[in-house]
Amino acid sequence: MRVVITGATGFIGKALCQSLHDDYEIIALSRDAEKARESLVQLAKVAQWDGKTTTGWINQLDGAIAVINLAGENLGSGRWNQAKKERILRSRLDAIEAIAEAIKHVQKKPKVLIQASAIGYYGSRQDEPLDETSPPGEGFLTNVCGSVENAAQDIERLGVRCVIIRSGVVLGSQAGALLRLAKLFRFYLGGHLGSGKQWFSWISLDDEVAAIRFLMENENLHGIFNLTSPQPVTMRDLCKTLGKVLHRPAWLAVPGFILRLALGEMADEMLLSGQKVLPERLLKAGFKFEYPTIENALSAIVR
């Protein structure tokens, strides 16, 4: 049974390959095949891909049971100027359009597409509880997520089950936001960002991977799923708990105006705003979180 994964060398993608490789044949599509082979070693076979056409890999999709699309320009690397924003959007749309084109031309279509989106879809919503039925918010990330989700849902018309995952902030020890935050705490520079009152909807890397696999393997599930812990926290509580786990104070705070000066629009959309997102559909489908609370997650992740 073959699974095709884009973004397989990334933070989530590599962990997903580690989870799946004993049970499936994994094909990783990569712009830099040589580097991907070095990164994934025995976890996956690698096929060269330019990120926007079907050239060189379409035969790998023929007969695959699933395609998992995690591809896209990194949101958190670099200031959001116009060129960066265009790369963020185009990289995601190019990938999903190429996958749609490949699906149209293979003889045996994949059974399911898992398409990555994000809780940025909901925009900044203060204390409002949000589930999969909540309407979109406003802002750049809302527009990106909406465009990607619309493109992915069109694939369902081709006879492929479509699952869209709106992921929260994924917490793991090897990369991502938690690694950067923990470094500050270890040097006694830890504290919350902005007011600290903004909601922080998160999920552990282990639960993110387990949820993706759960959605891939349960053939009756389709549509939109929030991949977040059932217990979101405020930024202040996140930092307080991280300080407790690391035995460090959480006494500093970075004012919002400093973050805006340093990061511009990205600060408002990714750091200073928040969403209280709940995984209602995932829970109703029977998924069990290994790390439902921030304290047990951080205790397991941070060493």
C-alpha atoms as a PDB file:
ATOM      1  CA  MET A   1       0.000   0.000   0.000  1.00  0.00           C
ATOM      2  CA  ARG A   2       1.527   3.233  -1.187  1.00  0.00           C
ATOM      3  CA  VAL A   3       1.169   6.708   0.355  1.00  0.00           C
ATOM      4  CA  VAL A   4       2.459   9.801  -1.451  1.00  0.00           C
ATOM      5  CA  ILE A   5       3.538  12.675   0.812  1.00  0.00           C
ATOM      6  CA  THR A   6       4.547  16.212  -0.088  1.00  0.00           C
ATOM      7  CA  GLY A   7       6.439  18.218   2.523  1.00  0.00           C
ATOM      8  CA  ALA A   8       7.812  14.941   3.884  1.00  0.00           C
ATOM      9  CA  THR A   9      11.105  16.439   5.082  1.00  0.00           C
ATOM     10  CA  GLY A  10       9.387  19.074   7.198  1.00  0.00           C
ATOM     11  CA  PHE A  11       8.678  19.040  10.931  1.00  0.00           C
ATOM     12  CA  ILE A  12       5.347  17.216  10.607  1.00  0.00           C
ATOM     13  CA  GLY A  13       6.143  15.317   7.412  1.00  0.00           C
ATOM     14  CA  LYS A  14       9.196  13.533   8.750  1.00  0.00           C
ATOM     15  CA  ALA A  15       7.379  12.444  11.915  1.00  0.00           C
ATOM     16  CA  LEU A  16       4.519  11.185   9.744  1.00  0.00           C
ATOM     17  CA  CYS A  17       6.947   9.137   7.631  1.00  0.00           C
ATOM     18  CA  GLN A  18       8.335   7.603  10.826  1.00  0.00           C
ATOM     19  CA  SER A  19       4.841   6.601  11.900  1.00  0.00           C
ATOM     20  CA  LEU A  20       3.763   5.146   8.550  1.00  0.00           C
ATOM     21  CA  HIS A  21       6.870   3.518   7.106  1.00  0.00           C
ATOM     22  CA  ASP A  22       6.469   0.111   8.821  1.00  0.00           C
ATOM     23  CA  ASP A  23       2.978  -0.344   7.364  1.00  0.00           C
ATOM     24  CA  TYR A  24       3.069   1.500   4.036  1.00  0.00           C
ATOM     25  CA  GLU A  25       5.321   2.193   1.102  1.00  0.00           C
ATOM     26  CA  ILE A  26       6.056   5.917   1.438  1.00  0.00           C
ATOM     27  CA  ILE A  27       6.840   8.079  -1.596  1.00  0.00           C
ATOM     28  CA  ALA A  28       8.170  11.514  -0.641  1.00  0.00           C
ATOM     29  CA  LEU A  29       7.964  14.229  -3.285  1.00  0.00           C
ATOM     30  CA  SER A  30      10.739  16.792  -2.960  1.00  0.00           C
ATOM     31  CA  ARG A  31      12.268  19.715  -4.838  1.00  0.00           C
ATOM     32  CA  ASP A  32      15.684  18.572  -3.592  1.00  0.00           C
ATOM     33  CA  ALA A  33      15.618  14.791  -3.930  1.00  0.00           C
ATOM     34  CA  GLU A  34      19.218  14.276  -2.823  1.00  0.00           C
ATOM     35  CA  LYS A  35      18.765  16.259   0.370  1.00  0.00           C
ATOM     36  CA  ALA A  36      15.453  14.498   1.035  1.00  0.00           C
ATOM     37  CA  ARG A  37      17.112  11.079   0.742  1.00  0.00           C
ATOM     38  CA  GLU A  38      19.726  12.129   3.293  1.00  0.00           C
ATOM     39  CA  SER A  39      17.017  13.388   5.648  1.00  0.00           C
ATOM     40  CA  LEU A  40      14.582  10.490   5.337  1.00  0.00           C
ATOM     41  CA  VAL A  41      17.173   7.692   4.993  1.00  0.00           C
ATOM     42  CA  GLN A  42      15.148   4.444   5.146  1.00  0.00           C
ATOM     43  CA  LEU A  43      11.789   6.081   5.886  1.00  0.00           C
ATOM     44  CA  ALA A  44      10.679   6.744   2.301  1.00  0.00           C
ATOM     45  CA  LYS A  45      11.497   6.507  -1.360  1.00  0.00           C
ATOM     46  CA  VAL A  46      12.059   9.960  -2.829  1.00  0.00           C
ATOM     47  CA  ALA A  47      10.796  11.319  -6.151  1.00  0.00           C
ATOM     48  CA  GLN A  48      11.928  14.614  -7.641  1.00  0.00           C
ATOM     49  CA  TRP A  49       9.170  17.241  -7.871  1.00  0.00           C
ATOM     50  CA  ASP A  50       9.223  20.892  -8.857  1.00  0.00           C
ATOM     51  CA  GLY A  51       6.259  21.705  -6.628  1.00  0.00           C
ATOM     52  CA  LYS A  52       3.936  22.755  -9.446  1.00  0.00           C
ATOM     53  CA  THR A  53       3.716  20.150 -12.214  1.00  0.00           C
ATOM     54  CA  THR A  54       3.143  16.410 -12.562  1.00  0.00           C
ATOM     55  CA  THR A  55       6.518  15.814 -14.209  1.00  0.00           C
ATOM     56  CA  GLY A  56       8.539  12.950 -12.783  1.00  0.00           C
ATOM     57  CA  TRP A  57       6.142  11.608 -10.153  1.00  0.00           C
ATOM     58  CA  ILE A  58       2.680  11.029 -11.614  1.00  0.00           C
ATOM     59  CA  ASN A  59       3.358   7.285 -11.956  1.00  0.00           C
ATOM     60  CA  GLN A  60       3.915   7.139  -8.182  1.00  0.00           C
ATOM     61  CA  LEU A  61       0.372   8.387  -7.604  1.00  0.00           C
ATOM     62  CA  ASP A  62      -1.196   5.731  -9.845  1.00  0.00           C
ATOM     63  CA  GLY A  63      -2.442   3.043  -7.471  1.00  0.00           C
ATOM     64  CA  ALA A  64      -1.501   4.878  -4.259  1.00  0.00           C
ATOM     65  CA  ILE A  65      -4.093   4.644  -1.500  1.00  0.00           C
ATOM     66  CA  ALA A  66      -3.514   8.194  -0.255  1.00  0.00           C
ATOM     67  CA  VAL A  67      -1.830  11.486  -1.013  1.00  0.00           C
ATOM     68  CA  ILE A  68      -0.976  13.728   1.943  1.00  0.00           C
ATOM     69  CA  ASN A  69      -0.225  17.300   0.918  1.00  0.00           C
ATOM     70  CA  LEU A  70       1.807  19.229   3.494  1.00  0.00           C
ATOM     71  CA  ALA A  71       3.674  21.376   0.966  1.00  0.00           C
ATOM     72  CA  GLY A  72       3.989  25.132   1.284  1.00  0.00           C
ATOM     73  CA  GLU A  73       6.343  28.030   1.976  1.00  0.00           C
ATOM     74  CA  ASN A  74       7.201  28.289   5.692  1.00  0.00           C
ATOM     75  CA  LEU A  75       4.932  30.874   7.330  1.00  0.00           C
ATOM     76  CA  GLY A  76       7.314  31.691  10.146  1.00  0.00           C
ATOM     77  CA  SER A  77      10.546  32.272   8.225  1.00  0.00           C
ATOM     78  CA  GLY A  78      11.147  35.873   7.256  1.00  0.00           C
ATOM     79  CA  ARG A  79       9.104  39.052   7.289  1.00  0.00           C
ATOM     80  CA  TRP A  80       5.849  39.075   5.334  1.00  0.00           C
ATOM     81  CA  ASN A  81       6.604  41.442   2.491  1.00  0.00           C
ATOM     82  CA  GLN A  82       4.555  41.209  -0.692  1.00  0.00           C
ATOM     83  CA  ALA A  83       6.948  38.734  -2.325  1.00  0.00           C
ATOM     84  CA  LYS A  84       6.885  36.465   0.747  1.00  0.00           C
ATOM     85  CA  LYS A  85       3.092  36.524   0.891  1.00  0.00           C
ATOM     86  CA  GLU A  86       2.898  35.632  -2.783  1.00  0.00           C
ATOM     87  CA  ARG A  87       5.231  32.648  -2.224  1.00  0.00           C
ATOM     88  CA  ILE A  88       3.140  31.487   0.734  1.00  0.00           C
ATOM     89  CA  LEU A  89      -0.026  31.450  -1.357  1.00  0.00           C
ATOM     90  CA  ARG A  90       1.365  30.276  -4.693  1.00  0.00           C
ATOM     91  CA  SER A  91       3.405  27.423  -3.204  1.00  0.00           C
ATOM     92  CA  ARG A  92       0.234  25.974  -1.709  1.00  0.00           C
ATOM     93  CA  LEU A  93      -1.995  26.536  -4.718  1.00  0.00           C
ATOM     94  CA  ASP A  94       0.633  25.235  -7.151  1.00  0.00           C
ATOM     95  CA  ALA A  95       0.955  22.042  -5.123  1.00  0.00           C
ATOM     96  CA  ILE A  96      -2.760  21.300  -4.892  1.00  0.00           C
ATOM     97  CA  GLU A  97      -3.315  22.168  -8.566  1.00  0.00           C
ATOM     98  CA  ALA A  98      -0.548  19.755  -9.590  1.00  0.00           C
ATOM     99  CA  ILE A  99      -2.067  17.017  -7.437  1.00  0.00           C
ATOM    100  CA  ALA A 100      -5.490  17.614  -9.002  1.00  0.00           C
ATOM    101  CA  GLU A 101      -3.976  17.388 -12.484  1.00  0.00           C
ATOM    102  CA  ALA A 102      -2.202  14.145 -11.593  1.00  0.00           C
ATOM    103  CA  ILE A 103      -5.376  12.613 -10.171  1.00  0.00           C
ATOM    104  CA  LYS A 104      -7.224  13.380 -13.416  1.00  0.00           C
ATOM    105  CA  HIS A 105      -4.693  11.408 -15.440  1.00  0.00           C
ATOM    106  CA  VAL A 106      -3.924   8.308 -13.370  1.00  0.00           C
ATOM    107  CA  GLN A 107      -5.804   5.096 -14.060  1.00  0.00           C
ATOM    108  CA  LYS A 108      -6.237   4.138 -10.412  1.00  0.00           C
ATOM    109  CA  LYS A 109      -6.982   7.199  -8.291  1.00  0.00           C
ATOM    110  CA  PRO A 110      -5.964   7.501  -4.642  1.00  0.00           C
ATOM    111  CA  LYS A 111      -8.731   6.798  -2.156  1.00  0.00           C
ATOM    112  CA  VAL A 112      -8.094   9.909  -0.082  1.00  0.00           C
ATOM    113  CA  LEU A 113      -6.428  13.303  -0.158  1.00  0.00           C
ATOM    114  CA  ILE A 114      -5.318  14.755   3.176  1.00  0.00           C
ATOM    115  CA  GLN A 115      -4.808  18.493   2.639  1.00  0.00           C
ATOM    116  CA  ALA A 116      -3.043  20.707   5.163  1.00  0.00           C
ATOM    117  CA  SER A 117      -4.693  23.966   6.186  1.00  0.00           C
ATOM    118  CA  ALA A 118      -4.513  25.869   9.492  1.00  0.00           C
ATOM    119  CA  ILE A 119      -6.571  27.506  12.212  1.00  0.00           C
ATOM    120  CA  GLY A 120      -5.515  30.824  10.687  1.00  0.00           C
ATOM    121  CA  TYR A 121      -8.721  30.282   8.696  1.00  0.00           C
ATOM    122  CA  TYR A 122     -10.681  31.601  11.681  1.00  0.00           C
ATOM    123  CA  GLY A 123      -8.769  34.873  12.025  1.00  0.00           C
ATOM    124  CA  SER A 124      -8.540  36.653  15.410  1.00  0.00           C
ATOM    125  CA  ARG A 125     -11.664  35.794  17.423  1.00  0.00           C
ATOM    126  CA  GLN A 126     -10.802  36.643  21.064  1.00  0.00           C
ATOM    127  CA  ASP A 127     -12.727  34.348  23.456  1.00  0.00           C
ATOM    128  CA  GLU A 128     -15.194  32.884  20.940  1.00  0.00           C
ATOM    129  CA  PRO A 129     -15.139  29.048  20.914  1.00  0.00           C
ATOM    130  CA  LEU A 130     -14.566  27.847  17.347  1.00  0.00           C
ATOM    131  CA  ASP A 131     -15.379  24.511  15.768  1.00  0.00           C
ATOM    132  CA  GLU A 132     -15.389  23.280  12.182  1.00  0.00           C
ATOM    133  CA  THR A 133     -18.723  24.997  11.471  1.00  0.00           C
ATOM    134  CA  SER A 134     -17.454  28.458  12.475  1.00  0.00           C
ATOM    135  CA  PRO A 135     -17.223  30.991   9.636  1.00  0.00           C
ATOM    136  CA  PRO A 136     -13.900  32.366   8.385  1.00  0.00           C
ATOM    137  CA  GLY A 137     -12.326  35.430   9.909  1.00  0.00           C
ATOM    138  CA  GLU A 138     -10.380  38.183   8.191  1.00  0.00           C
ATOM    139  CA  GLY A 139      -6.764  38.648   7.179  1.00  0.00           C
ATOM    140  CA  PHE A 140      -4.067  37.197   4.995  1.00  0.00           C
ATOM    141  CA  LEU A 141      -4.000  33.732   6.586  1.00  0.00           C
ATOM    142  CA  THR A 142      -7.777  33.472   6.329  1.00  0.00           C
ATOM    143  CA  ASN A 143      -7.539  34.160   2.619  1.00  0.00           C
ATOM    144  CA  VAL A 144      -4.701  31.672   2.111  1.00  0.00           C
ATOM    145  CA  CYS A 145      -6.473  28.895   4.012  1.00  0.00           C
ATOM    146  CA  GLY A 146      -9.766  29.559   2.226  1.00  0.00           C
ATOM    147  CA  SER A 147      -8.114  29.468  -1.209  1.00  0.00           C
ATOM    148  CA  VAL A 148      -6.295  26.218  -0.453  1.00  0.00           C
ATOM    149  CA  GLU A 149      -9.379  24.556   1.014  1.00  0.00           C
ATOM    150  CA  ASN A 150     -11.538  25.516  -1.961  1.00  0.00           C
ATOM    151  CA  ALA A 151      -8.962  24.070  -4.361  1.00  0.00           C
ATOM    152  CA  ALA A 152      -8.736  20.847  -2.361  1.00  0.00           C
ATOM    153  CA  GLN A 153     -12.500  20.397  -2.134  1.00  0.00           C
ATOM    154  CA  ASP A 154     -12.714  20.510  -5.918  1.00  0.00           C
ATOM    155  CA  ILE A 155     -10.763  17.240  -5.961  1.00  0.00           C
ATOM    156  CA  GLU A 156     -13.696  15.487  -4.300  1.00  0.00           C
ATOM    157  CA  ARG A 157     -15.534  15.898  -7.609  1.00  0.00           C
ATOM    158  CA  LEU A 158     -12.930  13.569  -9.104  1.00  0.00           C
ATOM    159  CA  GLY A 159     -14.129  10.745  -6.851  1.00  0.00           C
ATOM    160  CA  VAL A 160     -11.442  11.089  -4.176  1.00  0.00           C
ATOM    161  CA  ARG A 161     -12.342  11.401  -0.505  1.00  0.00           C
ATOM    162  CA  CYS A 162     -11.048  14.767   0.710  1.00  0.00           C
ATOM    163  CA  VAL A 163      -9.998  15.552   4.288  1.00  0.00           C
ATOM    164  CA  ILE A 164      -8.852  19.063   5.197  1.00  0.00           C
ATOM    165  CA  ILE A 165      -6.862  19.428   8.418  1.00  0.00           C
ATOM    166  CA  ARG A 166      -6.868  22.809  10.136  1.00  0.00           C
ATOM    167  CA  SER A 167      -3.869  22.401  12.404  1.00  0.00           C
ATOM    168  CA  GLY A 168      -3.095  24.500  15.439  1.00  0.00           C
ATOM    169  CA  VAL A 169       0.441  25.243  16.615  1.00  0.00           C
ATOM    170  CA  VAL A 170       2.221  21.888  16.568  1.00  0.00           C
ATOM    171  CA  LEU A 171       4.467  21.338  19.594  1.00  0.00           C
ATOM    172  CA  GLY A 172       7.525  19.093  19.352  1.00  0.00           C
ATOM    173  CA  SER A 173      11.073  19.016  20.643  1.00  0.00           C
ATOM    174  CA  GLN A 174      13.008  19.084  17.370  1.00  0.00           C
ATOM    175  CA  ALA A 175      11.646  22.196  15.651  1.00  0.00           C
ATOM    176  CA  GLY A 176       8.838  24.701  15.569  1.00  0.00           C
ATOM    177  CA  ALA A 177       7.645  27.393  17.961  1.00  0.00           C
ATOM    178  CA  LEU A 178       8.214  25.396  21.145  1.00  0.00           C
ATOM    179  CA  LEU A 179      11.915  24.851  20.457  1.00  0.00           C
ATOM    180  CA  ARG A 180      12.501  28.592  20.058  1.00  0.00           C
ATOM    181  CA  LEU A 181      10.427  29.446  23.117  1.00  0.00           C
ATOM    182  CA  ALA A 182      12.119  26.831  25.318  1.00  0.00           C
ATOM    183  CA  LYS A 183      15.554  28.221  24.450  1.00  0.00           C
ATOM    184  CA  LEU A 184      14.539  31.611  25.845  1.00  0.00           C
ATOM    185  CA  PHE A 185      13.269  30.030  29.042  1.00  0.00           C
ATOM    186  CA  ARG A 186      16.470  28.065  29.554  1.00  0.00           C
ATOM    187  CA  PHE A 187      18.373  31.372  29.486  1.00  0.00           C
ATOM    188  CA  TYR A 188      15.924  32.920  31.979  1.00  0.00           C
ATOM    189  CA  LEU A 189      14.395  35.099  29.258  1.00  0.00           C
ATOM    190  CA  GLY A 190      11.003  33.435  29.162  1.00  0.00           C
ATOM    191  CA  GLY A 191       7.658  35.156  29.194  1.00  0.00           C
ATOM    192  CA  HIS A 192       4.483  35.732  27.241  1.00  0.00           C
ATOM    193  CA  LEU A 193       4.053  37.657  24.001  1.00  0.00           C
ATOM    194  CA  GLY A 194       1.839  40.714  23.896  1.00  0.00           C
ATOM    195  CA  SER A 195      -0.941  40.820  26.487  1.00  0.00           C
ATOM    196  CA  GLY A 196      -0.765  37.082  27.133  1.00  0.00           C
ATOM    197  CA  LYS A 197      -4.552  36.949  27.004  1.00  0.00           C
ATOM    198  CA  GLN A 198      -4.710  35.682  23.420  1.00  0.00           C
ATOM    199  CA  TRP A 199      -5.777  32.059  23.016  1.00  0.00           C
ATOM    200  CA  PHE A 200      -3.173  29.528  21.954  1.00  0.00           C
ATOM    201  CA  SER A 201      -4.655  26.496  20.207  1.00  0.00           C
ATOM    202  CA  TRP A 202      -2.030  23.790  20.067  1.00  0.00           C
ATOM    203  CA  ILE A 203      -1.485  20.085  19.440  1.00  0.00           C
ATOM    204  CA  SER A 204       1.441  17.820  20.245  1.00  0.00           C
ATOM    205  CA  LEU A 205       3.411  16.472  17.287  1.00  0.00           C
ATOM    206  CA  ASP A 206       2.538  12.913  18.331  1.00  0.00           C
ATOM    207  CA  ASP A 207      -1.191  13.695  18.322  1.00  0.00           C
ATOM    208  CA  GLU A 208      -0.910  15.600  15.015  1.00  0.00           C
ATOM    209  CA  VAL A 209       0.635  12.574  13.335  1.00  0.00           C
ATOM    210  CA  ALA A 210      -1.764  10.136  14.984  1.00  0.00           C
ATOM    211  CA  ALA A 211      -4.740  12.254  13.894  1.00  0.00           C
ATOM    212  CA  ILE A 212      -3.567  12.414  10.286  1.00  0.00           C
ATOM    213  CA  ARG A 213      -3.166   8.650  10.250  1.00  0.00           C
ATOM    214  CA  PHE A 214      -6.575   8.202  11.908  1.00  0.00           C
ATOM    215  CA  LEU A 215      -8.236  10.354   9.245  1.00  0.00           C
ATOM    216  CA  MET A 216      -6.409   8.586   6.434  1.00  0.00           C
ATOM    217  CA  GLU A 217      -7.355   5.113   7.617  1.00  0.00           C
ATOM    218  CA  ASN A 218     -11.020   5.746   8.501  1.00  0.00           C
ATOM    219  CA  GLU A 219     -12.777   5.660   5.141  1.00  0.00           C
ATOM    220  CA  ASN A 220     -16.053   7.144   6.399  1.00  0.00           C
ATOM    221  CA  LEU A 221     -14.441  10.442   7.439  1.00  0.00           C
ATOM    222  CA  HIS A 222     -14.233  13.398   5.082  1.00  0.00           C
ATOM    223  CA  GLY A 223     -14.416  17.185   5.159  1.00  0.00           C
ATOM    224  CA  ILE A 224     -12.851  19.601   7.623  1.00  0.00           C
ATOM    225  CA  PHE A 225     -11.237  18.623  10.917  1.00  0.00           C
ATOM    226  CA  ASN A 226      -9.588  20.872  13.487  1.00  0.00           C
ATOM    227  CA  LEU A 227      -6.326  19.323  14.649  1.00  0.00           C
ATOM    228  CA  THR A 228      -5.967  20.988  18.028  1.00  0.00           C
ATOM    229  CA  SER A 229      -5.968  19.852  21.623  1.00  0.00           C
ATOM    230  CA  PRO A 230      -9.410  19.796  23.264  1.00  0.00           C
ATOM    231  CA  GLN A 231      -7.933  22.116  25.919  1.00  0.00           C
ATOM    232  CA  PRO A 232      -6.572  25.328  24.383  1.00  0.00           C
ATOM    233  CA  VAL A 233      -4.769  27.725  26.729  1.00  0.00           C
ATOM    234  CA  THR A 234      -3.935  31.414  26.806  1.00  0.00           C
ATOM    235  CA  MET A 235      -0.443  32.544  25.880  1.00  0.00           C
ATOM    236  CA  ARG A 236       0.133  33.509  29.520  1.00  0.00           C
ATOM    237  CA  ASP A 237      -0.855  30.026  30.747  1.00  0.00           C
ATOM    238  CA  LEU A 238       1.301  28.366  28.098  1.00  0.00           C
ATOM    239  CA  CYS A 239       4.366  30.291  29.250  1.00  0.00           C
ATOM    240  CA  LYS A 240       3.548  29.759  32.918  1.00  0.00           C
ATOM    241  CA  THR A 241       3.331  25.997  32.338  1.00  0.00           C
ATOM    242  CA  LEU A 242       6.512  25.910  30.264  1.00  0.00           C
ATOM    243  CA  GLY A 243       8.337  27.751  33.032  1.00  0.00           C
ATOM    244  CA  LYS A 244       7.030  25.228  35.554  1.00  0.00           C
ATOM    245  CA  VAL A 245       8.182  22.262  33.472  1.00  0.00           C
ATOM    246  CA  LEU A 246      11.630  23.799  32.858  1.00  0.00           C
ATOM    247  CA  HIS A 247      11.952  25.116  36.420  1.00  0.00           C
ATOM    248  CA  ARG A 248      12.401  28.627  35.093  1.00  0.00           C
ATOM    249  CA  PRO A 249      10.555  31.882  35.760  1.00  0.00           C
ATOM    250  CA  ALA A 250       8.116  33.271  33.213  1.00  0.00           C
ATOM    251  CA  TRP A 251       8.524  36.859  34.277  1.00  0.00           C
ATOM    252  CA  LEU A 252       9.376  38.679  31.067  1.00  0.00           C
ATOM    253  CA  ALA A 253       6.889  39.859  28.473  1.00  0.00           C
ATOM    254  CA  VAL A 254       7.501  41.099  24.940  1.00  0.00           C
ATOM    255  CA  PRO A 255       5.233  44.085  24.205  1.00  0.00           C
ATOM    256  CA  GLY A 256       3.153  43.886  21.077  1.00  0.00           C
ATOM    257  CA  PHE A 257       4.634  47.036  19.534  1.00  0.00           C
ATOM    258  CA  ILE A 258       8.130  45.502  19.599  1.00  0.00           C
ATOM    259  CA  LEU A 259       6.884  42.382  17.815  1.00  0.00           C
ATOM    260  CA  ARG A 260       5.138  44.549  15.234  1.00  0.00           C
ATOM    261  CA  LEU A 261       8.304  46.559  14.638  1.00  0.00           C
ATOM    262  CA  ALA A 262      10.338  43.388  14.202  1.00  0.00           C
ATOM    263  CA  LEU A 263       7.875  41.220  12.271  1.00  0.00           C
ATOM    264  CA  GLY A 264       5.215  43.478  10.840  1.00  0.00           C
ATOM    265  CA  GLU A 265       1.932  41.887   9.770  1.00  0.00           C
ATOM    266  CA  MET A 266       3.111  38.408  10.773  1.00  0.00           C
ATOM    267  CA  ALA A 267       3.212  39.493  14.434  1.00  0.00           C
ATOM    268  CA  ASP A 268      -0.478  40.425  14.426  1.00  0.00           C
ATOM    269  CA  GLU A 269      -1.680  37.317  12.604  1.00  0.00           C
ATOM    270  CA  MET A 270       0.537  34.663  14.174  1.00  0.00           C
ATOM    271  CA  LEU A 271       1.630  35.899  17.612  1.00  0.00           C
ATOM    272  CA  LEU A 272      -0.628  38.615  18.994  1.00  0.00           C
ATOM    273  CA  SER A 273      -4.001  37.321  17.848  1.00  0.00           C
ATOM    274  CA  GLY A 274      -5.515  34.059  18.962  1.00  0.00           C
ATOM    275  CA  GLN A 275      -8.247  31.528  18.380  1.00  0.00           C
ATOM    276  CA  LYS A 276      -9.965  29.237  20.867  1.00  0.00           C
ATOM    277  CA  VAL A 277     -10.302  26.270  18.522  1.00  0.00           C
ATOM    278  CA  LEU A 278     -11.911  22.979  19.505  1.00  0.00           C
ATOM    279  CA  PRO A 279     -11.567  19.608  17.665  1.00  0.00           C
ATOM    280  CA  GLU A 280     -15.261  18.745  17.784  1.00  0.00           C
ATOM    281  CA  ARG A 281     -15.390  16.510  14.695  1.00  0.00           C
ATOM    282  CA  LEU A 282     -12.222  14.641  15.621  1.00  0.00           C
ATOM    283  CA  LEU A 283     -13.556  13.858  19.094  1.00  0.00           C
ATOM    284  CA  LYS A 284     -16.950  12.778  17.712  1.00  0.00           C
ATOM    285  CA  ALA A 285     -15.154  10.441  15.296  1.00  0.00           C
ATOM    286  CA  GLY A 286     -13.571   8.670  18.278  1.00  0.00           C
ATOM    287  CA  PHE A 287     -10.009   9.996  18.191  1.00  0.00           C
ATOM    288  CA  LYS A 288      -8.213   9.780  21.551  1.00  0.00           C
ATOM    289  CA  PHE A 289      -5.585  12.384  22.383  1.00  0.00           C
ATOM    290  CA  GLU A 290      -2.441  11.099  24.038  1.00  0.00           C
ATOM    291  CA  TYR A 291      -1.654  14.589  25.298  1.00  0.00           C
ATOM    292  CA  PRO A 292      -4.905  16.503  25.907  1.00  0.00           C
ATOM    293  CA  THR A 293      -3.470  19.030  28.397  1.00  0.00           C
ATOM    294  CA  ILE A 294      -0.622  21.461  27.965  1.00  0.00           C
ATOM    295  CA  GLU A 295       1.176  20.286  31.107  1.00  0.00           C
ATOM    296  CA  ASN A 296       1.318  16.611  30.160  1.00  0.00           C
ATOM    297  CA  ALA A 297       2.321  17.539  26.621  1.00  0.00           C
ATOM    298  CA  LEU A 298       5.153  19.852  27.688  1.00  0.00           C
ATOM    299  CA  SER A 299       6.319  17.380  30.338  1.00  0.00           C
ATOM    300  CA  ALA A 300       6.676  14.718  27.633  1.00  0.00           C
ATOM    301  CA  ILE A 301       8.212  16.974  25.012  1.00  0.00           C
ATOM    302  CA  VAL A 302      10.609  19.202  26.934  1.00  0.00           C
ATOM    303  CA  ARG A 303      13.553  17.390  28.463  1.00  0.00           C
END
